[in-house]
């Protein structure tokens, strides 16, 4: 069974965000870079004594950029879907939060 991708997800600036992230990584000399964007929808029901006590329906949207630079992996992620660098960005992949330089 084929599943269709939700049109509201396709309306996000996917290509522009990916192009900006990958171009920046390339300009800084990364040997490899990849970009991921995901939207996760979760729902839950709360029960008390086997009777409905509430429910929730949440949607989380975020991105991740992973690079290899000088033999070290770097990773950054965020939820701001503008084309500005992620928080903690200092202009070099190994200075991204959570990244180690060898």
PDB file of N, CA and C in Angstrom:
ATOM      1  N   UNK A   1       0.838  -1.169   0.000  1.00  0.00           N
ATOM      2  CA  UNK A   1       0.000   0.000   0.000  1.00  0.00           C
ATOM      3  C   UNK A   1       0.891   1.243   0.000  1.00  0.00           C
ATOM      4  N   UNK A   2       0.683   2.106  -0.951  1.00  0.00           N
ATOM      5  CA  UNK A   2       1.451   3.347  -1.038  1.00  0.00           C
ATOM      6  C   UNK A   2       0.874   4.390  -0.084  1.00  0.00           C
ATOM      7  N   UNK A   3       1.768   5.099   0.574  1.00  0.00           N
ATOM      8  CA  UNK A   3       1.354   6.164   1.478  1.00  0.00           C
ATOM      9  C   UNK A   3       1.720   7.502   0.851  1.00  0.00           C
ATOM     10  N   UNK A   4       0.845   8.453   0.970  1.00  0.00           N
ATOM     11  CA  UNK A   4       1.119   9.786   0.444  1.00  0.00           C
ATOM     12  C   UNK A   4       1.757  10.651   1.517  1.00  0.00           C
ATOM     13  N   UNK A   5       2.634  11.532   1.099  1.00  0.00           N
ATOM     14  CA  UNK A   5       3.249  12.484   2.018  1.00  0.00           C
ATOM     15  C   UNK A   5       2.293  13.653   2.183  1.00  0.00           C
ATOM     16  N   UNK A   6       2.090  14.038   3.432  1.00  0.00           N
ATOM     17  CA  UNK A   6       1.182  15.131   3.756  1.00  0.00           C
ATOM     18  C   UNK A   6       1.609  16.418   3.047  1.00  0.00           C
ATOM     19  N   UNK A   7       0.675  17.081   2.401  1.00  0.00           N
ATOM     20  CA  UNK A   7       0.970  18.302   1.640  1.00  0.00           C
ATOM     21  C   UNK A   7       1.498  19.439   2.517  1.00  0.00           C
ATOM     22  N   UNK A   8       1.068  19.511   3.775  1.00  0.00           N
ATOM     23  CA  UNK A   8       1.579  20.571   4.654  1.00  0.00           C
ATOM     24  C   UNK A   8       3.064  20.356   4.961  1.00  0.00           C
ATOM     25  N   UNK A   9       3.515  19.096   4.976  1.00  0.00           N
ATOM     26  CA  UNK A   9       4.939  18.815   5.153  1.00  0.00           C
ATOM     27  C   UNK A   9       5.710  19.209   3.898  1.00  0.00           C
ATOM     28  N   UNK A  10       5.159  18.880   2.745  1.00  0.00           N
ATOM     29  CA  UNK A  10       5.810  19.236   1.480  1.00  0.00           C
ATOM     30  C   UNK A  10       5.874  20.741   1.267  1.00  0.00           C
ATOM     31  N   UNK A  11       4.977  21.492   1.923  1.00  0.00           N
ATOM     32  CA  UNK A  11       4.969  22.950   1.786  1.00  0.00           C
ATOM     33  C   UNK A  11       6.084  23.625   2.593  1.00  0.00           C
ATOM     34  N   UNK A  12       6.746  22.875   3.478  1.00  0.00           N
ATOM     35  CA  UNK A  12       7.857  23.434   4.253  1.00  0.00           C
ATOM     36  C   UNK A  12       9.022  23.744   3.311  1.00  0.00           C
ATOM     37  N   UNK A  13       9.905  24.671   3.707  1.00  0.00           N
ATOM     38  CA  UNK A  13      11.035  25.035   2.826  1.00  0.00           C
ATOM     39  C   UNK A  13      12.146  23.994   2.847  1.00  0.00           C
ATOM     40  N   UNK A  14      11.808  22.757   2.520  1.00  0.00           N
ATOM     41  CA  UNK A  14      12.758  21.645   2.616  1.00  0.00           C
ATOM     42  C   UNK A  14      14.010  21.864   1.779  1.00  0.00           C
ATOM     43  N   UNK A  15      13.819  22.137   0.511  1.00  0.00           N
ATOM     44  CA  UNK A  15      14.950  22.289  -0.413  1.00  0.00           C
ATOM     45  C   UNK A  15      15.847  23.465  -0.011  1.00  0.00           C
ATOM     46  N   UNK A  16      15.235  24.595   0.349  1.00  0.00           N
ATOM     47  CA  UNK A  16      16.025  25.774   0.725  1.00  0.00           C
ATOM     48  C   UNK A  16      16.854  25.510   1.982  1.00  0.00           C
ATOM     49  N   UNK A  17      16.267  24.852   2.977  1.00  0.00           N
ATOM     50  CA  UNK A  17      17.000  24.543   4.202  1.00  0.00           C
ATOM     51  C   UNK A  17      18.141  23.568   3.934  1.00  0.00           C
ATOM     52  N   UNK A  18      17.858  22.513   3.183  1.00  0.00           N
ATOM     53  CA  UNK A  18      18.894  21.531   2.871  1.00  0.00           C
ATOM     54  C   UNK A  18      20.009  22.161   2.054  1.00  0.00           C
ATOM     55  N   UNK A  19      19.649  22.936   1.044  1.00  0.00           N
ATOM     56  CA  UNK A  19      20.667  23.581   0.204  1.00  0.00           C
ATOM     57  C   UNK A  19      21.552  24.513   1.025  1.00  0.00           C
ATOM     58  N   UNK A  20      20.955  25.293   1.931  1.00  0.00           N
ATOM     59  CA  UNK A  20      21.729  26.222   2.760  1.00  0.00           C
ATOM     60  C   UNK A  20      22.692  25.463   3.670  1.00  0.00           C
ATOM     61  N   UNK A  21      22.210  24.407   4.317  1.00  0.00           N
ATOM     62  CA  UNK A  21      23.054  23.638   5.236  1.00  0.00           C
ATOM     63  C   UNK A  21      24.189  22.946   4.496  1.00  0.00           C
ATOM     64  N   UNK A  22      23.879  22.312   3.378  1.00  0.00           N
ATOM     65  CA  UNK A  22      24.897  21.575   2.638  1.00  0.00           C
ATOM     66  C   UNK A  22      25.908  22.499   1.967  1.00  0.00           C
ATOM     67  N   UNK A  23      25.458  23.644   1.476  1.00  0.00           N
ATOM     68  CA  UNK A  23      26.377  24.618   0.874  1.00  0.00           C
ATOM     69  C   UNK A  23      27.341  25.161   1.921  1.00  0.00           C
ATOM     70  N   UNK A  24      26.827  25.424   3.131  1.00  0.00           N
ATOM     71  CA  UNK A  24      27.680  25.931   4.210  1.00  0.00           C
ATOM     72  C   UNK A  24      28.722  24.886   4.595  1.00  0.00           C
ATOM     73  N   UNK A  25      28.298  23.641   4.731  1.00  0.00           N
ATOM     74  CA  UNK A  25      29.239  22.582   5.079  1.00  0.00           C
ATOM     75  C   UNK A  25      30.311  22.425   4.000  1.00  0.00           C
ATOM     76  N   UNK A  26      29.888  22.479   2.747  1.00  0.00           N
ATOM     77  CA  UNK A  26      30.829  22.364   1.623  1.00  0.00           C
ATOM     78  C   UNK A  26      31.831  23.517   1.642  1.00  0.00           C
ATOM     79  N   UNK A  27      31.337  24.739   1.888  1.00  0.00           N
ATOM     80  CA  UNK A  27      32.221  25.913   1.879  1.00  0.00           C
ATOM     81  C   UNK A  27      33.248  25.866   3.008  1.00  0.00           C
ATOM     82  N   UNK A  28      32.954  25.122   4.065  1.00  0.00           N
ATOM     83  CA  UNK A  28      33.883  25.002   5.193  1.00  0.00           C
ATOM     84  C   UNK A  28      34.785  23.775   5.076  1.00  0.00           C
ATOM     85  N   UNK A  29      34.669  23.055   3.950  1.00  0.00           N
ATOM     86  CA  UNK A  29      35.582  21.961   3.693  1.00  0.00           C
ATOM     87  C   UNK A  29      35.151  20.601   4.215  1.00  0.00           C
ATOM     88  N   UNK A  30      33.881  20.429   4.518  1.00  0.00           N
ATOM     89  CA  UNK A  30      33.408  19.128   4.993  1.00  0.00           C
ATOM     90  C   UNK A  30      33.560  18.089   3.876  1.00  0.00           C
ATOM     91  N   UNK A  31      34.035  16.905   4.244  1.00  0.00           N
ATOM     92  CA  UNK A  31      34.158  15.830   3.264  1.00  0.00           C
ATOM     93  C   UNK A  31      32.814  15.144   3.020  1.00  0.00           C
ATOM     94  N   UNK A  32      31.916  15.231   3.974  1.00  0.00           N
ATOM     95  CA  UNK A  32      30.580  14.647   3.856  1.00  0.00           C
ATOM     96  C   UNK A  32      29.618  15.499   4.671  1.00  0.00           C
ATOM     97  N   UNK A  33      28.387  15.626   4.180  1.00  0.00           N
ATOM     98  CA  UNK A  33      27.346  16.315   4.946  1.00  0.00           C
ATOM     99  C   UNK A  33      25.996  15.745   4.555  1.00  0.00           C
ATOM    100  N   UNK A  34      25.115  15.620   5.533  1.00  0.00           N
ATOM    101  CA  UNK A  34      23.744  15.243   5.221  1.00  0.00           C
ATOM    102  C   UNK A  34      22.784  16.047   6.081  1.00  0.00           C
ATOM    103  N   UNK A  35      21.588  16.213   5.568  1.00  0.00           N
ATOM    104  CA  UNK A  35      20.553  17.044   6.195  1.00  0.00           C
ATOM    105  C   UNK A  35      19.295  16.203   6.329  1.00  0.00           C
ATOM    106  N   UNK A  36      18.657  16.290   7.483  1.00  0.00           N
ATOM    107  CA  UNK A  36      17.407  15.563   7.711  1.00  0.00           C
ATOM    108  C   UNK A  36      16.385  16.499   8.330  1.00  0.00           C
ATOM    109  N   UNK A  37      15.167  16.362   7.883  1.00  0.00           N
ATOM    110  CA  UNK A  37      14.055  17.118   8.458  1.00  0.00           C
ATOM    111  C   UNK A  37      12.955  16.115   8.762  1.00  0.00           C
ATOM    112  N   UNK A  38      12.401  16.215   9.953  1.00  0.00           N
ATOM    113  CA  UNK A  38      11.331  15.285  10.284  1.00  0.00           C
ATOM    114  C   UNK A  38      10.229  15.973  11.072  1.00  0.00           C
ATOM    115  N   UNK A  39       9.042  15.423  10.897  1.00  0.00           N
ATOM    116  CA  UNK A  39       7.879  15.854  11.670  1.00  0.00           C
ATOM    117  C   UNK A  39       7.290  14.599  12.290  1.00  0.00           C
ATOM    118  N   UNK A  40       7.152  14.618  13.604  1.00  0.00           N
ATOM    119  CA  UNK A  40       6.645  13.462  14.337  1.00  0.00           C
ATOM    120  C   UNK A  40       5.353  13.871  15.038  1.00  0.00           C
ATOM    121  N   UNK A  41       4.310  13.121  14.772  1.00  0.00           N
ATOM    122  CA  UNK A  41       3.018  13.382  15.413  1.00  0.00           C
ATOM    123  C   UNK A  41       2.739  12.263  16.406  1.00  0.00           C
ATOM    124  N   UNK A  42       2.360  12.639  17.627  1.00  0.00           N
ATOM    125  CA  UNK A  42       2.085  11.670  18.678  1.00  0.00           C
ATOM    126  C   UNK A  42       0.725  11.958  19.296  1.00  0.00           C
ATOM    127  N   UNK A  43       0.062  10.918  19.658  1.00  0.00           N
ATOM    128  CA  UNK A  43      -1.218  11.058  20.339  1.00  0.00           C
ATOM    129  C   UNK A  43      -1.279  10.122  21.517  1.00  0.00           C
ATOM    130  N   UNK A  44      -2.002  10.514  22.550  1.00  0.00           N
ATOM    131  CA  UNK A  44      -2.151   9.643  23.714  1.00  0.00           C
ATOM    132  C   UNK A  44      -3.487   9.907  24.400  1.00  0.00           C
ATOM    133  N   UNK A  45      -3.949   8.893  25.081  1.00  0.00           N
ATOM    134  CA  UNK A  45      -5.161   8.970  25.903  1.00  0.00           C
ATOM    135  C   UNK A  45      -4.755   8.697  27.339  1.00  0.00           C
ATOM    136  N   UNK A  46      -5.323   9.441  28.262  1.00  0.00           N
ATOM    137  CA  UNK A  46      -5.126   9.189  29.683  1.00  0.00           C
ATOM    138  C   UNK A  46      -6.412   8.590  30.246  1.00  0.00           C
ATOM    139  N   UNK A  47      -6.242   7.525  31.017  1.00  0.00           N
ATOM    140  CA  UNK A  47      -7.395   6.858  31.626  1.00  0.00           C
ATOM    141  C   UNK A  47      -7.253   6.890  33.140  1.00  0.00           C
ATOM    142  N   UNK A  48      -8.359   6.998  33.811  1.00  0.00           N
ATOM    143  CA  UNK A  48      -8.395   6.904  35.269  1.00  0.00           C
ATOM    144  C   UNK A  48      -9.568   5.998  35.617  1.00  0.00           C
ATOM    145  N   UNK A  49      -9.257   4.911  36.288  1.00  0.00           N
ATOM    146  CA  UNK A  49     -10.288   3.911  36.615  1.00  0.00           C
ATOM    147  C   UNK A  49     -11.018   3.460  35.353  1.00  0.00           C
ATOM    148  N   UNK A  50     -10.259   3.229  34.295  1.00  0.00           N
ATOM    149  CA  UNK A  50     -10.764   2.735  33.018  1.00  0.00           C
ATOM    150  C   UNK A  50     -11.721   3.709  32.317  1.00  0.00           C
ATOM    151  N   UNK A  51     -11.680   4.977  32.717  1.00  0.00           N
ATOM    152  CA  UNK A  51     -12.515   5.992  32.063  1.00  0.00           C
ATOM    153  C   UNK A  51     -11.604   7.082  31.492  1.00  0.00           C
ATOM    154  N   UNK A  52     -11.945   7.613  30.333  1.00  0.00           N
ATOM    155  CA  UNK A  52     -11.114   8.671  29.745  1.00  0.00           C
ATOM    156  C   UNK A  52     -10.955   9.857  30.700  1.00  0.00           C
ATOM    157  N   UNK A  53      -9.693  10.291  30.864  1.00  0.00           N
ATOM    158  CA  UNK A  53      -9.385  11.429  31.721  1.00  0.00           C
ATOM    159  C   UNK A  53      -8.700  12.544  30.947  1.00  0.00           C
ATOM    160  N   UNK A  54      -8.491  12.344  29.661  1.00  0.00           N
ATOM    161  CA  UNK A  54      -7.864  13.377  28.850  1.00  0.00           C
ATOM    162  C   UNK A  54      -7.130  12.775  27.664  1.00  0.00           C
ATOM    163  N   UNK A  55      -6.697  13.635  26.798  1.00  0.00           N
ATOM    164  CA  UNK A  55      -5.952  13.189  25.627  1.00  0.00           C
ATOM    165  C   UNK A  55      -5.025  14.298  25.176  1.00  0.00           C
ATOM    166  N   UNK A  56      -4.079  13.939  24.332  1.00  0.00           N
ATOM    167  CA  UNK A  56      -3.182  14.935  23.755  1.00  0.00           C
ATOM    168  C   UNK A  56      -2.828  14.524  22.332  1.00  0.00           C
ATOM    169  N   UNK A  57      -2.530  15.516  21.538  1.00  0.00           N
ATOM    170  CA  UNK A  57      -2.117  15.317  20.152  1.00  0.00           C
ATOM    171  C   UNK A  57      -1.038  16.352  19.894  1.00  0.00           C
ATOM    172  N   UNK A  58       0.212  15.919  19.744  1.00  0.00           N
ATOM    173  CA  UNK A  58       1.326  16.845  19.572  1.00  0.00           C
ATOM    174  C   UNK A  58       2.064  16.575  18.273  1.00  0.00           C
ATOM    175  N   UNK A  59       2.683  17.615  17.752  1.00  0.00           N
ATOM    176  CA  UNK A  59       3.514  17.504  16.561  1.00  0.00           C
ATOM    177  C   UNK A  59       4.846  18.197  16.839  1.00  0.00           C
ATOM    178  N   UNK A  60       5.938  17.482  16.618  1.00  0.00           N
ATOM    179  CA  UNK A  60       7.281  18.027  16.765  1.00  0.00           C
ATOM    180  C   UNK A  60       7.929  18.096  15.394  1.00  0.00           C
ATOM    181  N   UNK A  61       8.618  19.199  15.129  1.00  0.00           N
ATOM    182  CA  UNK A  61       9.268  19.422  13.840  1.00  0.00           C
ATOM    183  C   UNK A  61      10.698  19.838  14.107  1.00  0.00           C
ATOM    184  N   UNK A  62      11.649  19.241  13.427  1.00  0.00           N
ATOM    185  CA  UNK A  62      13.040  19.600  13.646  1.00  0.00           C
ATOM    186  C   UNK A  62      13.928  19.131  12.515  1.00  0.00           C
ATOM    187  N   UNK A  63      15.202  19.530  12.589  1.00  0.00           N
ATOM    188  CA  UNK A  63      16.175  19.176  11.560  1.00  0.00           C
ATOM    189  C   UNK A  63      17.468  18.729  12.216  1.00  0.00           C
ATOM    190  N   UNK A  64      18.299  18.084  11.426  1.00  0.00           N
ATOM    191  CA  UNK A  64      19.631  17.678  11.869  1.00  0.00           C
ATOM    192  C   UNK A  64      20.596  17.815  10.705  1.00  0.00           C
ATOM    193  N   UNK A  65      21.808  18.233  11.005  1.00  0.00           N
ATOM    194  CA  UNK A  65      22.887  18.324  10.017  1.00  0.00           C
ATOM    195  C   UNK A  65      24.058  17.535  10.586  1.00  0.00           C
ATOM    196  N   UNK A  66      24.586  16.635   9.781  1.00  0.00           N
ATOM    197  CA  UNK A  66      25.719  15.812  10.188  1.00  0.00           C
ATOM    198  C   UNK A  66      26.834  16.016   9.173  1.00  0.00           C
ATOM    199  N   UNK A  67      28.066  16.187   9.651  1.00  0.00           N
ATOM    200  CA  UNK A  67      29.201  16.417   8.752  1.00  0.00           C
ATOM    201  C   UNK A  67      30.396  15.563   9.168  1.00  0.00           C
ATOM    202  N   UNK A  68      31.283  15.350   8.194  1.00  0.00           N
ATOM    203  CA  UNK A  68      32.607  14.803   8.472  1.00  0.00           C
ATOM    204  C   UNK A  68      33.588  15.868   8.017  1.00  0.00           C
ATOM    205  N   UNK A  69      34.461  16.279   8.932  1.00  0.00           N
ATOM    206  CA  UNK A  69      35.457  17.303   8.624  1.00  0.00           C
ATOM    207  C   UNK A  69      36.753  16.908   9.304  1.00  0.00           C
ATOM    208  N   UNK A  70      37.793  16.752   8.524  1.00  0.00           N
ATOM    209  CA  UNK A  70      39.090  16.393   9.090  1.00  0.00           C
ATOM    210  C   UNK A  70      39.082  15.064   9.832  1.00  0.00           C
ATOM    211  N   UNK A  71      38.253  14.124   9.406  1.00  0.00           N
ATOM    212  CA  UNK A  71      38.200  12.818  10.042  1.00  0.00           C
ATOM    213  C   UNK A  71      37.299  12.730  11.253  1.00  0.00           C
ATOM    214  N   UNK A  72      36.639  13.828  11.621  1.00  0.00           N
ATOM    215  CA  UNK A  72      35.755  13.819  12.787  1.00  0.00           C
ATOM    216  C   UNK A  72      34.310  14.070  12.362  1.00  0.00           C
ATOM    217  N   UNK A  73      33.387  13.388  13.037  1.00  0.00           N
ATOM    218  CA  UNK A  73      31.968  13.606  12.791  1.00  0.00           C
ATOM    219  C   UNK A  73      31.489  14.776  13.625  1.00  0.00           C
ATOM    220  N   UNK A  74      30.611  15.589  13.045  1.00  0.00           N
ATOM    221  CA  UNK A  74      29.967  16.676  13.771  1.00  0.00           C
ATOM    222  C   UNK A  74      28.470  16.593  13.574  1.00  0.00           C
ATOM    223  N   UNK A  75      27.726  17.085  14.524  1.00  0.00           N
ATOM    224  CA  UNK A  75      26.269  17.000  14.480  1.00  0.00           C
ATOM    225  C   UNK A  75      25.670  18.249  15.103  1.00  0.00           C
ATOM    226  N   UNK A  76      24.631  18.752  14.473  1.00  0.00           N
ATOM    227  CA  UNK A  76      23.874  19.864  15.042  1.00  0.00           C
ATOM    228  C   UNK A  76      22.408  19.621  14.727  1.00  0.00           C
ATOM    229  N   UNK A  77      21.538  20.070  15.611  1.00  0.00           N
ATOM    230  CA  UNK A  77      20.111  19.920  15.371  1.00  0.00           C
ATOM    231  C   UNK A  77      19.383  21.121  15.944  1.00  0.00           C
ATOM    232  N   UNK A  78      18.170  21.303  15.496  1.00  0.00           N
ATOM    233  CA  UNK A  78      17.392  22.422  15.998  1.00  0.00           C
ATOM    234  C   UNK A  78      15.959  22.358  15.513  1.00  0.00           C
ATOM    235  N   UNK A  79      15.205  23.380  15.882  1.00  0.00           N
ATOM    236  CA  UNK A  79      13.796  23.450  15.508  1.00  0.00           C
ATOM    237  C   UNK A  79      13.459  24.743  14.775  1.00  0.00           C
ATOM    238  N   UNK A  80      14.400  25.662  14.680  1.00  0.00           N
ATOM    239  CA  UNK A  80      14.188  26.929  13.984  1.00  0.00           C
ATOM    240  C   UNK A  80      14.370  26.693  12.490  1.00  0.00           C
ATOM    241  N   UNK A  81      13.280  26.801  11.719  1.00  0.00           N
ATOM    242  CA  UNK A  81      13.342  26.492  10.288  1.00  0.00           C
ATOM    243  C   UNK A  81      13.640  27.712   9.434  1.00  0.00           C
ATOM    244  N   UNK A  82      14.604  28.508   9.873  1.00  0.00           N
ATOM    245  CA  UNK A  82      15.105  29.598   9.039  1.00  0.00           C
ATOM    246  C   UNK A  82      16.450  29.151   8.485  1.00  0.00           C
ATOM    247  N   UNK A  83      17.019  29.926   7.601  1.00  0.00           N
ATOM    248  CA  UNK A  83      18.289  29.519   6.999  1.00  0.00           C
ATOM    249  C   UNK A  83      19.478  30.071   7.757  1.00  0.00           C
ATOM    250  N   UNK A  84      19.314  30.394   9.037  1.00  0.00           N
ATOM    251  CA  UNK A  84      20.422  30.871   9.851  1.00  0.00           C
ATOM    252  C   UNK A  84      21.112  29.676  10.501  1.00  0.00           C
ATOM    253  N   UNK A  85      22.382  29.801  10.889  1.00  0.00           N
ATOM    254  CA  UNK A  85      23.090  28.678  11.512  1.00  0.00           C
ATOM    255  C   UNK A  85      22.435  28.276  12.837  1.00  0.00           C
ATOM    256  N   UNK A  86      22.651  27.032  13.254  1.00  0.00           N
ATOM    257  CA  UNK A  86      22.077  26.568  14.515  1.00  0.00           C
ATOM    258  C   UNK A  86      22.721  27.253  15.706  1.00  0.00           C
ATOM    259  N   UNK A  87      22.040  27.265  16.873  1.00  0.00           N
ATOM    260  CA  UNK A  87      22.641  27.834  18.077  1.00  0.00           C
ATOM    261  C   UNK A  87      23.964  27.128  18.377  1.00  0.00           C
ATOM    262  N   UNK A  88      24.944  27.874  18.810  1.00  0.00           N
ATOM    263  CA  UNK A  88      26.237  27.291  19.117  1.00  0.00           C
ATOM    264  C   UNK A  88      27.175  27.232  17.926  1.00  0.00           C
ATOM    265  N   UNK A  89      26.698  27.591  16.740  1.00  0.00           N
ATOM    266  CA  UNK A  89      27.521  27.559  15.534  1.00  0.00           C
ATOM    267  C   UNK A  89      28.627  28.596  15.647  1.00  0.00           C
ATOM    268  N   UNK A  90      29.853  28.196  15.370  1.00  0.00           N
ATOM    269  CA  UNK A  90      30.991  29.110  15.419  1.00  0.00           C
ATOM    270  C   UNK A  90      31.728  29.172  14.093  1.00  0.00           C
ATOM    271  N   UNK A  91      31.112  28.637  13.040  1.00  0.00           N
ATOM    272  CA  UNK A  91      31.743  28.726  11.734  1.00  0.00           C
ATOM    273  C   UNK A  91      32.585  27.531  11.357  1.00  0.00           C
ATOM    274  N   UNK A  92      32.771  26.587  12.266  1.00  0.00           N
ATOM    275  CA  UNK A  92      33.531  25.383  11.945  1.00  0.00           C
ATOM    276  C   UNK A  92      32.745  24.174  12.432  1.00  0.00           C
ATOM    277  N   UNK A  93      32.634  23.125  11.603  1.00  0.00           N
ATOM    278  CA  UNK A  93      31.830  21.964  11.994  1.00  0.00           C
ATOM    279  C   UNK A  93      32.220  21.359  13.326  1.00  0.00           C
ATOM    280  N   UNK A  94      33.528  21.282  13.645  1.00  0.00           N
ATOM    281  CA  UNK A  94      33.925  20.633  14.884  1.00  0.00           C
ATOM    282  C   UNK A  94      33.598  21.480  16.111  1.00  0.00           C
ATOM    283  N   UNK A  95      33.116  22.679  15.905  1.00  0.00           N
ATOM    284  CA  UNK A  95      32.693  23.493  17.039  1.00  0.00           C
ATOM    285  C   UNK A  95      31.185  23.454  17.249  1.00  0.00           C
ATOM    286  N   UNK A  96      30.491  22.639  16.495  1.00  0.00           N
ATOM    287  CA  UNK A  96      29.055  22.474  16.734  1.00  0.00           C
ATOM    288  C   UNK A  96      28.864  21.776  18.067  1.00  0.00           C
ATOM    289  N   UNK A  97      27.763  22.046  18.746  1.00  0.00           N
ATOM    290  CA  UNK A  97      27.511  21.339  20.008  1.00  0.00           C
ATOM    291  C   UNK A  97      27.517  19.836  19.804  1.00  0.00           C
ATOM    292  N   UNK A  98      28.139  19.115  20.699  1.00  0.00           N
ATOM    293  CA  UNK A  98      28.156  17.651  20.615  1.00  0.00           C
ATOM    294  C   UNK A  98      29.195  17.092  19.670  1.00  0.00           C
ATOM    295  N   UNK A  99      30.065  17.929  19.136  1.00  0.00           N
ATOM    296  CA  UNK A  99      31.056  17.471  18.148  1.00  0.00           C
ATOM    297  C   UNK A  99      32.431  17.422  18.790  1.00  0.00           C
ATOM    298  N   UNK A 100      33.192  16.416  18.459  1.00  0.00           N
ATOM    299  CA  UNK A 100      34.556  16.265  18.978  1.00  0.00           C
ATOM    300  C   UNK A 100      35.544  16.339  17.818  1.00  0.00           C
ATOM    301  N   UNK A 101      36.629  17.028  18.049  1.00  0.00           N
ATOM    302  CA  UNK A 101      37.684  17.099  17.032  1.00  0.00           C
ATOM    303  C   UNK A 101      38.823  16.200  17.458  1.00  0.00           C
ATOM    304  N   UNK A 102      39.359  15.459  16.507  1.00  0.00           N
ATOM    305  CA  UNK A 102      40.490  14.565  16.817  1.00  0.00           C
ATOM    306  C   UNK A 102      41.791  15.269  16.658  1.00  0.00           C
TER     307      UNK A 102
END
